[in-house]
Amino acid sequence: MATVMVVDDAAFMRMRCAKLLKEHGYTVVEAENGAEAVRLYKEARPDGVLMDITMPVMDGLQALAAIKGFDPTARVAMVTAMGQQAIVIDALKAGAKDFVVKPFQPERVLAAVKRLIG
């Protein structure tokens, strides 16, 4: 089954998303900030990434740019809070394939992952 990396500084959000994906047969790798996501991406080579935008150390946009610089074919969907539409547009321009709004609906997360991985 496909591997999905879940990147969020909020442990609760990571656990909730990881549990949902595991229940649907995905292997999950977790990172708590953008810098860790870039490092783990290079190691794990996940099939898709769900990445929060607002995080300490390195935010989601910086991590997206670093991952796309390393692997231009990386499939990343951004996870964002309501009211961050301008940042989402920047992320899509930078190569993100989709976005999910928090608090997320399980069906929306699964649909985004299916779109990412194909």
PDB file of N, CA and C in Angstrom:
ATOM      1  N   MET A   1       0.836  -1.188   0.000  1.00  0.00           N
ATOM      2  CA  MET A   1       0.000   0.000   0.000  1.00  0.00           C
ATOM      3  C   MET A   1       0.877   1.247   0.000  1.00  0.00           C
ATOM      4  N   ALA A   2       0.313   2.338  -0.361  1.00  0.00           N
ATOM      5  CA  ALA A   2       1.041   3.594  -0.470  1.00  0.00           C
ATOM      6  C   ALA A   2       1.431   4.152   0.897  1.00  0.00           C
ATOM      7  N   THR A   3       2.514   4.929   0.902  1.00  0.00           N
ATOM      8  CA  THR A   3       2.987   5.590   2.110  1.00  0.00           C
ATOM      9  C   THR A   3       2.660   7.074   2.027  1.00  0.00           C
ATOM     10  N   VAL A   4       2.093   7.601   3.110  1.00  0.00           N
ATOM     11  CA  VAL A   4       1.744   9.015   3.187  1.00  0.00           C
ATOM     12  C   VAL A   4       2.471   9.622   4.380  1.00  0.00           C
ATOM     13  N   MET A   5       3.121  10.770   4.162  1.00  0.00           N
ATOM     14  CA  MET A   5       3.743  11.491   5.264  1.00  0.00           C
ATOM     15  C   MET A   5       2.773  12.567   5.741  1.00  0.00           C
ATOM     16  N   VAL A   6       2.524  12.583   7.049  1.00  0.00           N
ATOM     17  CA  VAL A   6       1.644  13.563   7.669  1.00  0.00           C
ATOM     18  C   VAL A   6       2.537  14.527   8.454  1.00  0.00           C
ATOM     19  N   VAL A   7       2.459  15.816   8.097  1.00  0.00           N
ATOM     20  CA  VAL A   7       3.317  16.822   8.720  1.00  0.00           C
ATOM     21  C   VAL A   7       2.443  17.869   9.407  1.00  0.00           C
ATOM     22  N   ASP A   8       2.545  17.937  10.732  1.00  0.00           N
ATOM     23  CA  ASP A   8       1.782  18.922  11.493  1.00  0.00           C
ATOM     24  C   ASP A   8       2.448  19.079  12.847  1.00  0.00           C
ATOM     25  N   ASP A   9       2.578  20.310  13.323  1.00  0.00           N
ATOM     26  CA  ASP A   9       3.195  20.532  14.631  1.00  0.00           C
ATOM     27  C   ASP A   9       2.256  20.155  15.779  1.00  0.00           C
ATOM     28  N   ALA A  10       0.971  20.014  15.495  1.00  0.00           N
ATOM     29  CA  ALA A  10       0.007  19.608  16.523  1.00  0.00           C
ATOM     30  C   ALA A  10      -0.079  18.080  16.550  1.00  0.00           C
ATOM     31  N   ALA A  11       0.387  17.485  17.646  1.00  0.00           N
ATOM     32  CA  ALA A  11       0.404  16.026  17.765  1.00  0.00           C
ATOM     33  C   ALA A  11      -0.993  15.434  17.580  1.00  0.00           C
ATOM     34  N   PHE A  12      -2.014  16.101  18.106  1.00  0.00           N
ATOM     35  CA  PHE A  12      -3.384  15.610  17.980  1.00  0.00           C
ATOM     36  C   PHE A  12      -3.783  15.495  16.504  1.00  0.00           C
ATOM     37  N   MET A  13      -3.471  16.512  15.711  1.00  0.00           N
ATOM     38  CA  MET A  13      -3.829  16.486  14.291  1.00  0.00           C
ATOM     39  C   MET A  13      -3.072  15.378  13.560  1.00  0.00           C
ATOM     40  N   ARG A  14      -1.791  15.215  13.868  1.00  0.00           N
ATOM     41  CA  ARG A  14      -1.007  14.136  13.251  1.00  0.00           C
ATOM     42  C   ARG A  14      -1.605  12.782  13.592  1.00  0.00           C
ATOM     43  N   MET A  15      -1.907  12.581  14.872  1.00  0.00           N
ATOM     44  CA  MET A  15      -2.443  11.284  15.304  1.00  0.00           C
ATOM     45  C   MET A  15      -3.796  11.008  14.662  1.00  0.00           C
ATOM     46  N   ARG A  16      -4.647  12.022  14.622  1.00  0.00           N
ATOM     47  CA  ARG A  16      -5.987  11.853  14.046  1.00  0.00           C
ATOM     48  C   ARG A  16      -5.889  11.494  12.561  1.00  0.00           C
ATOM     49  N   CYS A  17      -5.034  12.199  11.840  1.00  0.00           N
ATOM     50  CA  CYS A  17      -4.881  11.959  10.412  1.00  0.00           C
ATOM     51  C   CYS A  17      -4.201  10.602  10.162  1.00  0.00           C
ATOM     52  N   ALA A  18      -3.165  10.307  10.944  1.00  0.00           N
ATOM     53  CA  ALA A  18      -2.456   9.030  10.783  1.00  0.00           C
ATOM     54  C   ALA A  18      -3.392   7.855  11.046  1.00  0.00           C
ATOM     55  N   LYS A  19      -4.210   7.965  12.088  1.00  0.00           N
ATOM     56  CA  LYS A  19      -5.158   6.891  12.422  1.00  0.00           C
ATOM     57  C   LYS A  19      -6.127   6.664  11.259  1.00  0.00           C
ATOM     58  N   LEU A  20      -6.669   7.740  10.719  1.00  0.00           N
ATOM     59  CA  LEU A  20      -7.601   7.645   9.590  1.00  0.00           C
ATOM     60  C   LEU A  20      -6.937   6.944   8.399  1.00  0.00           C
ATOM     61  N   LEU A  21      -5.734   7.367   8.062  1.00  0.00           N
ATOM     62  CA  LEU A  21      -5.049   6.793   6.899  1.00  0.00           C
ATOM     63  C   LEU A  21      -4.696   5.323   7.125  1.00  0.00           C
ATOM     64  N   LYS A  22      -4.224   4.994   8.331  1.00  0.00           N
ATOM     65  CA  LYS A  22      -3.887   3.595   8.635  1.00  0.00           C
ATOM     66  C   LYS A  22      -5.125   2.707   8.551  1.00  0.00           C
ATOM     67  N   GLU A  23      -6.267   3.228   9.014  1.00  0.00           N
ATOM     68  CA  GLU A  23      -7.526   2.467   8.952  1.00  0.00           C
ATOM     69  C   GLU A  23      -7.923   2.172   7.502  1.00  0.00           C
ATOM     70  N   HIS A  24      -7.432   2.973   6.572  1.00  0.00           N
ATOM     71  CA  HIS A  24      -7.736   2.777   5.155  1.00  0.00           C
ATOM     72  C   HIS A  24      -6.573   2.145   4.394  1.00  0.00           C
ATOM     73  N   GLY A  25      -5.640   1.545   5.138  1.00  0.00           N
ATOM     74  CA  GLY A  25      -4.602   0.739   4.521  1.00  0.00           C
ATOM     75  C   GLY A  25      -3.311   1.434   4.136  1.00  0.00           C
ATOM     76  N   TYR A  26      -3.182   2.702   4.471  1.00  0.00           N
ATOM     77  CA  TYR A  26      -1.955   3.418   4.127  1.00  0.00           C
ATOM     78  C   TYR A  26      -0.890   3.212   5.197  1.00  0.00           C
ATOM     79  N   THR A  27       0.362   3.250   4.775  1.00  0.00           N
ATOM     80  CA  THR A  27       1.485   3.302   5.696  1.00  0.00           C
ATOM     81  C   THR A  27       1.712   4.784   5.964  1.00  0.00           C
ATOM     82  N   VAL A  28       1.968   5.149   7.211  1.00  0.00           N
ATOM     83  CA  VAL A  28       2.088   6.562   7.563  1.00  0.00           C
ATOM     84  C   VAL A  28       3.438   6.856   8.198  1.00  0.00           C
ATOM     85  N   VAL A  29       4.048   7.953   7.751  1.00  0.00           N
ATOM     86  CA  VAL A  29       5.260   8.501   8.336  1.00  0.00           C
ATOM     87  C   VAL A  29       4.855   9.868   8.885  1.00  0.00           C
ATOM     88  N   GLU A  30       5.304  10.211  10.100  1.00  0.00           N
ATOM     89  CA  GLU A  30       4.899  11.481  10.706  1.00  0.00           C
ATOM     90  C   GLU A  30       6.093  12.400  10.935  1.00  0.00           C
ATOM     91  N   ALA A  31       5.865  13.702  10.729  1.00  0.00           N
ATOM     92  CA  ALA A  31       6.866  14.731  11.020  1.00  0.00           C
ATOM     93  C   ALA A  31       6.174  15.874  11.740  1.00  0.00           C
ATOM     94  N   GLU A  32       6.889  16.507  12.678  1.00  0.00           N
ATOM     95  CA  GLU A  32       6.261  17.562  13.475  1.00  0.00           C
ATOM     96  C   GLU A  32       6.605  18.975  13.028  1.00  0.00           C
ATOM     97  N   ASN A  33       7.465  19.117  12.014  1.00  0.00           N
ATOM     98  CA  ASN A  33       7.738  20.440  11.454  1.00  0.00           C
ATOM     99  C   ASN A  33       8.313  20.271  10.047  1.00  0.00           C
ATOM    100  N   GLY A  34       8.462  21.374   9.347  1.00  0.00           N
ATOM    101  CA  GLY A  34       8.916  21.317   7.967  1.00  0.00           C
ATOM    102  C   GLY A  34      10.322  20.774   7.801  1.00  0.00           C
ATOM    103  N   ALA A  35      11.220  21.128   8.714  1.00  0.00           N
ATOM    104  CA  ALA A  35      12.604  20.653   8.611  1.00  0.00           C
ATOM    105  C   ALA A  35      12.653  19.130   8.748  1.00  0.00           C
ATOM    106  N   GLU A  36      11.899  18.605   9.705  1.00  0.00           N
ATOM    107  CA  GLU A  36      11.842  17.158   9.882  1.00  0.00           C
ATOM    108  C   GLU A  36      11.195  16.500   8.659  1.00  0.00           C
ATOM    109  N   ALA A  37      10.194  17.163   8.084  1.00  0.00           N
ATOM    110  CA  ALA A  37       9.519  16.626   6.894  1.00  0.00           C
ATOM    111  C   ALA A  37      10.493  16.496   5.726  1.00  0.00           C
ATOM    112  N   VAL A  38      11.323  17.506   5.514  1.00  0.00           N
ATOM    113  CA  VAL A  38      12.293  17.461   4.412  1.00  0.00           C
ATOM    114  C   VAL A  38      13.264  16.304   4.632  1.00  0.00           C
ATOM    115  N   ARG A  39      13.772  16.174   5.856  1.00  0.00           N
ATOM    116  CA  ARG A  39      14.716  15.088   6.169  1.00  0.00           C
ATOM    117  C   ARG A  39      14.046  13.720   5.980  1.00  0.00           C
ATOM    118  N   LEU A  40      12.845  13.549   6.519  1.00  0.00           N
ATOM    119  CA  LEU A  40      12.155  12.266   6.413  1.00  0.00           C
ATOM    120  C   LEU A  40      11.720  11.960   4.982  1.00  0.00           C
ATOM    121  N   TYR A  41      11.388  12.994   4.224  1.00  0.00           N
ATOM    122  CA  TYR A  41      11.000  12.771   2.825  1.00  0.00           C
ATOM    123  C   TYR A  41      12.147  12.098   2.077  1.00  0.00           C
ATOM    124  N   LYS A  42      13.349  12.579   2.295  1.00  0.00           N
ATOM    125  CA  LYS A  42      14.522  12.023   1.609  1.00  0.00           C
ATOM    126  C   LYS A  42      14.773  10.574   2.016  1.00  0.00           C
ATOM    127  N   GLU A  43      14.455  10.233   3.264  1.00  0.00           N
ATOM    128  CA  GLU A  43      14.655   8.870   3.757  1.00  0.00           C
ATOM    129  C   GLU A  43      13.523   7.936   3.317  1.00  0.00           C
ATOM    130  N   ALA A  44      12.288   8.361   3.545  1.00  0.00           N
ATOM    131  CA  ALA A  44      11.132   7.482   3.371  1.00  0.00           C
ATOM    132  C   ALA A  44      10.568   7.475   1.956  1.00  0.00           C
ATOM    133  N   ARG A  45      10.809   8.554   1.193  1.00  0.00           N
ATOM    134  CA  ARG A  45      10.257   8.684  -0.161  1.00  0.00           C
ATOM    135  C   ARG A  45       8.772   8.316  -0.213  1.00  0.00           C
ATOM    136  N   PRO A  46       7.930   9.024   0.577  1.00  0.00           N
ATOM    137  CA  PRO A  46       6.503   8.690   0.597  1.00  0.00           C
ATOM    138  C   PRO A  46       5.844   8.954  -0.759  1.00  0.00           C
ATOM    139  N   ASP A  47       4.735   8.288  -0.975  1.00  0.00           N
ATOM    140  CA  ASP A  47       3.984   8.464  -2.220  1.00  0.00           C
ATOM    141  C   ASP A  47       3.224   9.782  -2.231  1.00  0.00           C
ATOM    142  N   GLY A  48       2.915  10.298  -1.047  1.00  0.00           N
ATOM    143  CA  GLY A  48       2.204  11.563  -0.929  1.00  0.00           C
ATOM    144  C   GLY A  48       2.477  12.199   0.418  1.00  0.00           C
ATOM    145  N   VAL A  49       2.237  13.508   0.504  1.00  0.00           N
ATOM    146  CA  VAL A  49       2.484  14.260   1.734  1.00  0.00           C
ATOM    147  C   VAL A  49       1.282  15.145   2.036  1.00  0.00           C
ATOM    148  N   LEU A  50       0.815  15.104   3.290  1.00  0.00           N
ATOM    149  CA  LEU A  50      -0.178  16.047   3.789  1.00  0.00           C
ATOM    150  C   LEU A  50       0.576  16.964   4.739  1.00  0.00           C
ATOM    151  N   MET A  51       0.704  18.257   4.387  1.00  0.00           N
ATOM    152  CA  MET A  51       1.554  19.155   5.154  1.00  0.00           C
ATOM    153  C   MET A  51       0.821  20.398   5.633  1.00  0.00           C
ATOM    154  N   ASP A  52       0.909  20.618   6.943  1.00  0.00           N
ATOM    155  CA  ASP A  52       0.369  21.834   7.541  1.00  0.00           C
ATOM    156  C   ASP A  52       1.170  23.023   7.006  1.00  0.00           C
ATOM    157  N   ILE A  53       0.560  24.185   6.954  1.00  0.00           N
ATOM    158  CA  ILE A  53       1.267  25.371   6.475  1.00  0.00           C
ATOM    159  C   ILE A  53       1.977  26.082   7.616  1.00  0.00           C
ATOM    160  N   THR A  54       1.283  26.307   8.726  1.00  0.00           N
ATOM    161  CA  THR A  54       1.849  27.086   9.826  1.00  0.00           C
ATOM    162  C   THR A  54       2.488  26.161  10.849  1.00  0.00           C
ATOM    163  N   MET A  55       3.840  26.173  10.885  1.00  0.00           N
ATOM    164  CA  MET A  55       4.592  25.327  11.818  1.00  0.00           C
ATOM    165  C   MET A  55       5.866  26.053  12.235  1.00  0.00           C
ATOM    166  N   PRO A  56       6.404  25.690  13.405  1.00  0.00           N
ATOM    167  CA  PRO A  56       7.686  26.264  13.822  1.00  0.00           C
ATOM    168  C   PRO A  56       8.849  25.612  13.070  1.00  0.00           C
ATOM    169  N   VAL A  57      10.027  26.128  13.233  1.00  0.00           N
ATOM    170  CA  VAL A  57      11.282  25.662  12.656  1.00  0.00           C
ATOM    171  C   VAL A  57      11.326  25.943  11.154  1.00  0.00           C
ATOM    172  N   MET A  58      10.431  25.333  10.396  1.00  0.00           N
ATOM    173  CA  MET A  58      10.306  25.575   8.950  1.00  0.00           C
ATOM    174  C   MET A  58       8.839  25.411   8.609  1.00  0.00           C
ATOM    175  N   ASP A  59       8.237  26.435   7.998  1.00  0.00           N
ATOM    176  CA  ASP A  59       6.805  26.330   7.703  1.00  0.00           C
ATOM    177  C   ASP A  59       6.557  25.444   6.480  1.00  0.00           C
ATOM    178  N   GLY A  60       5.287  25.192   6.229  1.00  0.00           N
ATOM    179  CA  GLY A  60       4.907  24.290   5.149  1.00  0.00           C
ATOM    180  C   GLY A  60       5.317  24.769   3.768  1.00  0.00           C
ATOM    181  N   LEU A  61       5.273  26.076   3.525  1.00  0.00           N
ATOM    182  CA  LEU A  61       5.680  26.589   2.210  1.00  0.00           C
ATOM    183  C   LEU A  61       7.176  26.402   1.979  1.00  0.00           C
ATOM    184  N   GLN A  62       7.978  26.656   3.013  1.00  0.00           N
ATOM    185  CA  GLN A  62       9.424  26.448   2.900  1.00  0.00           C
ATOM    186  C   GLN A  62       9.738  24.966   2.699  1.00  0.00           C
ATOM    187  N   ALA A  63       9.045  24.116   3.440  1.00  0.00           N
ATOM    188  CA  ALA A  63       9.264  22.673   3.307  1.00  0.00           C
ATOM    189  C   ALA A  63       8.822  22.180   1.933  1.00  0.00           C
ATOM    190  N   LEU A  64       7.700  22.706   1.436  1.00  0.00           N
ATOM    191  CA  LEU A  64       7.237  22.349   0.096  1.00  0.00           C
ATOM    192  C   LEU A  64       8.307  22.693  -0.942  1.00  0.00           C
ATOM    193  N   ALA A  65       8.862  23.890  -0.852  1.00  0.00           N
ATOM    194  CA  ALA A  65       9.896  24.310  -1.798  1.00  0.00           C
ATOM    195  C   ALA A  65      11.125  23.408  -1.707  1.00  0.00           C
ATOM    196  N   ALA A  66      11.530  23.058  -0.487  1.00  0.00           N
ATOM    197  CA  ALA A  66      12.702  22.196  -0.310  1.00  0.00           C
ATOM    198  C   ALA A  66      12.446  20.789  -0.852  1.00  0.00           C
ATOM    199  N   ILE A  67      11.269  20.251  -0.584  1.00  0.00           N
ATOM    200  CA  ILE A  67      10.931  18.910  -1.079  1.00  0.00           C
ATOM    201  C   ILE A  67      10.843  18.911  -2.597  1.00  0.00           C
ATOM    202  N   LYS A  68      10.181  19.925  -3.174  1.00  0.00           N
ATOM    203  CA  LYS A  68      10.069  20.005  -4.642  1.00  0.00           C
ATOM    204  C   LYS A  68      11.437  20.233  -5.280  1.00  0.00           C
ATOM    205  N   GLY A  69      12.336  20.929  -4.585  1.00  0.00           N
ATOM    206  CA  GLY A  69      13.699  21.112  -5.078  1.00  0.00           C
ATOM    207  C   GLY A  69      14.457  19.799  -5.118  1.00  0.00           C
ATOM    208  N   PHE A  70      14.210  18.957  -4.137  1.00  0.00           N
ATOM    209  CA  PHE A  70      14.849  17.642  -4.061  1.00  0.00           C
ATOM    210  C   PHE A  70      14.187  16.665  -5.027  1.00  0.00           C
ATOM    211  N   ASP A  71      12.846  16.708  -5.095  1.00  0.00           N
ATOM    212  CA  ASP A  71      12.077  15.785  -5.930  1.00  0.00           C
ATOM    213  C   ASP A  71      10.947  16.553  -6.615  1.00  0.00           C
ATOM    214  N   PRO A  72      11.185  17.020  -7.843  1.00  0.00           N
ATOM    215  CA  PRO A  72      10.165  17.806  -8.547  1.00  0.00           C
ATOM    216  C   PRO A  72       8.843  17.060  -8.760  1.00  0.00           C
ATOM    217  N   THR A  73       8.845  15.740  -8.639  1.00  0.00           N
ATOM    218  CA  THR A  73       7.620  14.963  -8.835  1.00  0.00           C
ATOM    219  C   THR A  73       6.870  14.717  -7.521  1.00  0.00           C
ATOM    220  N   ALA A  74       7.358  15.279  -6.419  1.00  0.00           N
ATOM    221  CA  ALA A  74       6.711  15.079  -5.113  1.00  0.00           C
ATOM    222  C   ALA A  74       5.246  15.494  -5.176  1.00  0.00           C
ATOM    223  N   ARG A  75       4.404  14.699  -4.524  1.00  0.00           N
ATOM    224  CA  ARG A  75       2.967  14.956  -4.492  1.00  0.00           C
ATOM    225  C   ARG A  75       2.591  15.424  -3.095  1.00  0.00           C
ATOM    226  N   VAL A  76       2.287  16.713  -2.977  1.00  0.00           N
ATOM    227  CA  VAL A  76       2.042  17.325  -1.674  1.00  0.00           C
ATOM    228  C   VAL A  76       0.689  18.033  -1.669  1.00  0.00           C
ATOM    229  N   ALA A  77      -0.083  17.806  -0.607  1.00  0.00           N
ATOM    230  CA  ALA A  77      -1.315  18.555  -0.374  1.00  0.00           C
ATOM    231  C   ALA A  77      -1.116  19.348   0.915  1.00  0.00           C
ATOM    232  N   MET A  78      -1.511  20.596   0.899  1.00  0.00           N
ATOM    233  CA  MET A  78      -1.348  21.454   2.068  1.00  0.00           C
ATOM    234  C   MET A  78      -2.590  21.351   2.959  1.00  0.00           C
ATOM    235  N   VAL A  79      -2.357  21.429   4.265  1.00  0.00           N
ATOM    236  CA  VAL A  79      -3.438  21.428   5.243  1.00  0.00           C
ATOM    237  C   VAL A  79      -3.435  22.817   5.875  1.00  0.00           C
ATOM    238  N   THR A  80      -4.573  23.478   5.849  1.00  0.00           N
ATOM    239  CA  THR A  80      -4.621  24.872   6.248  1.00  0.00           C
ATOM    240  C   THR A  80      -5.835  25.190   7.113  1.00  0.00           C
ATOM    241  N   ALA A  81      -5.685  26.202   7.929  1.00  0.00           N
ATOM    242  CA  ALA A  81      -6.823  26.690   8.717  1.00  0.00           C
ATOM    243  C   ALA A  81      -7.666  27.602   7.831  1.00  0.00           C
ATOM    244  N   MET A  82      -8.884  27.803   8.216  1.00  0.00           N
ATOM    245  CA  MET A  82      -9.753  28.733   7.490  1.00  0.00           C
ATOM    246  C   MET A  82      -9.081  30.109   7.460  1.00  0.00           C
ATOM    247  N   GLY A  83      -9.290  30.841   6.377  1.00  0.00           N
ATOM    248  CA  GLY A  83      -8.775  32.200   6.305  1.00  0.00           C
ATOM    249  C   GLY A  83      -7.360  32.314   5.773  1.00  0.00           C
ATOM    250  N   GLN A  84      -6.782  31.226   5.290  1.00  0.00           N
ATOM    251  CA  GLN A  84      -5.420  31.270   4.750  1.00  0.00           C
ATOM    252  C   GLN A  84      -5.429  31.086   3.231  1.00  0.00           C
ATOM    253  N   GLN A  85      -6.467  31.587   2.570  1.00  0.00           N
ATOM    254  CA  GLN A  85      -6.612  31.374   1.136  1.00  0.00           C
ATOM    255  C   GLN A  85      -5.426  31.900   0.331  1.00  0.00           C
ATOM    256  N   ALA A  86      -4.904  33.062   0.708  1.00  0.00           N
ATOM    257  CA  ALA A  86      -3.772  33.638  -0.029  1.00  0.00           C
ATOM    258  C   ALA A  86      -2.552  32.724   0.057  1.00  0.00           C
ATOM    259  N   ILE A  87      -2.327  32.141   1.216  1.00  0.00           N
ATOM    260  CA  ILE A  87      -1.196  31.221   1.388  1.00  0.00           C
ATOM    261  C   ILE A  87      -1.427  29.950   0.587  1.00  0.00           C
ATOM    262  N   VAL A  88      -2.663  29.479   0.554  1.00  0.00           N
ATOM    263  CA  VAL A  88      -2.988  28.285  -0.230  1.00  0.00           C
ATOM    264  C   VAL A  88      -2.687  28.530  -1.708  1.00  0.00           C
ATOM    265  N   ILE A  89      -3.044  29.696  -2.205  1.00  0.00           N
ATOM    266  CA  ILE A  89      -2.760  30.021  -3.609  1.00  0.00           C
ATOM    267  C   ILE A  89      -1.256  30.009  -3.854  1.00  0.00           C
ATOM    268  N   ASP A  90      -0.474  30.568  -2.917  1.00  0.00           N
ATOM    269  CA  ASP A  90       0.988  30.525  -3.038  1.00  0.00           C
ATOM    270  C   ASP A  90       1.485  29.085  -3.064  1.00  0.00           C
ATOM    271  N   ALA A  91       0.910  28.244  -2.219  1.00  0.00           N
ATOM    272  CA  ALA A  91       1.318  26.841  -2.158  1.00  0.00           C
ATOM    273  C   ALA A  91       1.000  26.116  -3.463  1.00  0.00           C
ATOM    274  N   LEU A  92      -0.167  26.377  -4.024  1.00  0.00           N
ATOM    275  CA  LEU A  92      -0.537  25.746  -5.294  1.00  0.00           C
ATOM    276  C   LEU A  92       0.399  26.209  -6.410  1.00  0.00           C
ATOM    277  N   LYS A  93       0.753  27.481  -6.406  1.00  0.00           N
ATOM    278  CA  LYS A  93       1.706  27.999  -7.401  1.00  0.00           C
ATOM    279  C   LYS A  93       3.083  27.366  -7.227  1.00  0.00           C
ATOM    280  N   ALA A  94       3.426  27.031  -5.970  1.00  0.00           N
ATOM    281  CA  ALA A  94       4.730  26.434  -5.673  1.00  0.00           C
ATOM    282  C   ALA A  94       4.766  24.931  -5.930  1.00  0.00           C
ATOM    283  N   GLY A  95       3.626  24.361  -6.322  1.00  0.00           N
ATOM    284  CA  GLY A  95       3.637  22.950  -6.687  1.00  0.00           C
ATOM    285  C   GLY A  95       2.766  22.033  -5.865  1.00  0.00           C
ATOM    286  N   ALA A  96       2.070  22.555  -4.854  1.00  0.00           N
ATOM    287  CA  ALA A  96       1.143  21.706  -4.106  1.00  0.00           C
ATOM    288  C   ALA A  96       0.028  21.262  -5.049  1.00  0.00           C
ATOM    289  N   LYS A  97      -0.446  20.051  -4.867  1.00  0.00           N
ATOM    290  CA  LYS A  97      -1.460  19.484  -5.760  1.00  0.00           C
ATOM    291  C   LYS A  97      -2.880  19.695  -5.269  1.00  0.00           C
ATOM    292  N   ASP A  98      -3.042  19.951  -3.965  1.00  0.00           N
ATOM    293  CA  ASP A  98      -4.374  20.043  -3.390  1.00  0.00           C
ATOM    294  C   ASP A  98      -4.240  20.700  -2.026  1.00  0.00           C
ATOM    295  N   PHE A  99      -5.365  20.941  -1.368  1.00  0.00           N
ATOM    296  CA  PHE A  99      -5.344  21.444  -0.002  1.00  0.00           C
ATOM    297  C   PHE A  99      -6.553  20.915   0.751  1.00  0.00           C
ATOM    298  N   VAL A 100      -6.394  20.831   2.064  1.00  0.00           N
ATOM    299  CA  VAL A 100      -7.448  20.367   2.959  1.00  0.00           C
ATOM    300  C   VAL A 100      -7.580  21.428   4.046  1.00  0.00           C
ATOM    301  N   VAL A 101      -8.818  21.821   4.361  1.00  0.00           N
ATOM    302  CA  VAL A 101      -9.052  22.838   5.380  1.00  0.00           C
ATOM    303  C   VAL A 101      -9.308  22.183   6.736  1.00  0.00           C
ATOM    304  N   LYS A 102      -8.645  22.714   7.781  1.00  0.00           N
ATOM    305  CA  LYS A 102      -8.874  22.266   9.157  1.00  0.00           C
ATOM    306  C   LYS A 102     -10.034  23.049   9.747  1.00  0.00           C
ATOM    307  N   PRO A 103     -10.804  22.468  10.629  1.00  0.00           N
ATOM    308  CA  PRO A 103     -10.741  21.051  11.010  1.00  0.00           C
ATOM    309  C   PRO A 103     -11.224  20.194   9.847  1.00  0.00           C
ATOM    310  N   PHE A 104     -10.453  19.179   9.525  1.00  0.00           N
ATOM    311  CA  PHE A 104     -10.737  18.414   8.310  1.00  0.00           C
ATOM    312  C   PHE A 104     -11.838  17.385   8.497  1.00  0.00           C
ATOM    313  N   GLN A 105     -12.513  17.118   7.391  1.00  0.00           N
ATOM    314  CA  GLN A 105     -13.495  16.045   7.327  1.00  0.00           C
ATOM    315  C   GLN A 105     -12.752  14.807   6.824  1.00  0.00           C
ATOM    316  N   PRO A 106     -12.940  13.652   7.461  1.00  0.00           N
ATOM    317  CA  PRO A 106     -12.228  12.446   7.038  1.00  0.00           C
ATOM    318  C   PRO A 106     -12.352  12.154   5.537  1.00  0.00           C
ATOM    319  N   GLU A 107     -13.555  12.334   4.982  1.00  0.00           N
ATOM    320  CA  GLU A 107     -13.753  12.043   3.552  1.00  0.00           C
ATOM    321  C   GLU A 107     -12.888  12.953   2.686  1.00  0.00           C
ATOM    322  N   ARG A 108     -12.713  14.201   3.124  1.00  0.00           N
ATOM    323  CA  ARG A 108     -11.919  15.163   2.353  1.00  0.00           C
ATOM    324  C   ARG A 108     -10.442  14.781   2.360  1.00  0.00           C
ATOM    325  N   VAL A 109      -9.958  14.325   3.510  1.00  0.00           N
ATOM    326  CA  VAL A 109      -8.559  13.892   3.607  1.00  0.00           C
ATOM    327  C   VAL A 109      -8.331  12.689   2.697  1.00  0.00           C
ATOM    328  N   LEU A 110      -9.226  11.714   2.777  1.00  0.00           N
ATOM    329  CA  LEU A 110      -9.074  10.517   1.945  1.00  0.00           C
ATOM    330  C   LEU A 110      -9.154  10.858   0.458  1.00  0.00           C
ATOM    331  N   ALA A 111     -10.049  11.772   0.093  1.00  0.00           N
ATOM    332  CA  ALA A 111     -10.162  12.180  -1.311  1.00  0.00           C
ATOM    333  C   ALA A 111      -8.883  12.869  -1.777  1.00  0.00           C
ATOM    334  N   ALA A 112      -8.316  13.721  -0.934  1.00  0.00           N
ATOM    335  CA  ALA A 112      -7.074  14.413  -1.298  1.00  0.00           C
ATOM    336  C   ALA A 112      -5.934  13.423  -1.487  1.00  0.00           C
ATOM    337  N   VAL A 113      -5.842  12.438  -0.591  1.00  0.00           N
ATOM    338  CA  VAL A 113      -4.773  11.437  -0.699  1.00  0.00           C
ATOM    339  C   VAL A 113      -4.967  10.610  -1.963  1.00  0.00           C
ATOM    340  N   LYS A 114      -6.186  10.220  -2.258  1.00  0.00           N
ATOM    341  CA  LYS A 114      -6.446   9.440  -3.492  1.00  0.00           C
ATOM    342  C   LYS A 114      -6.057  10.247  -4.719  1.00  0.00           C
ATOM    343  N   ARG A 115      -6.365  11.550  -4.710  1.00  0.00           N
ATOM    344  CA  ARG A 115      -5.985  12.397  -5.833  1.00  0.00           C
ATOM    345  C   ARG A 115      -4.474  12.520  -5.960  1.00  0.00           C
ATOM    346  N   LEU A 116      -3.807  12.632  -4.823  1.00  0.00           N
ATOM    347  CA  LEU A 116      -2.343  12.765  -4.815  1.00  0.00           C
ATOM    348  C   LEU A 116      -1.677  11.529  -5.394  1.00  0.00           C
ATOM    349  N   ILE A 117      -2.120  10.385  -4.920  1.00  0.00           N
ATOM    350  CA  ILE A 117      -1.440   9.126  -5.236  1.00  0.00           C
ATOM    351  C   ILE A 117      -1.950   8.502  -6.520  1.00  0.00           C
ATOM    352  N   GLY A 118      -3.201   8.798  -6.849  1.00  0.00           N
ATOM    353  CA  GLY A 118      -3.741   8.307  -8.122  1.00  0.00           C
ATOM    354  C   GLY A 118      -4.228   6.900  -8.092  1.00  0.00           C
TER     355      GLY A 118
END
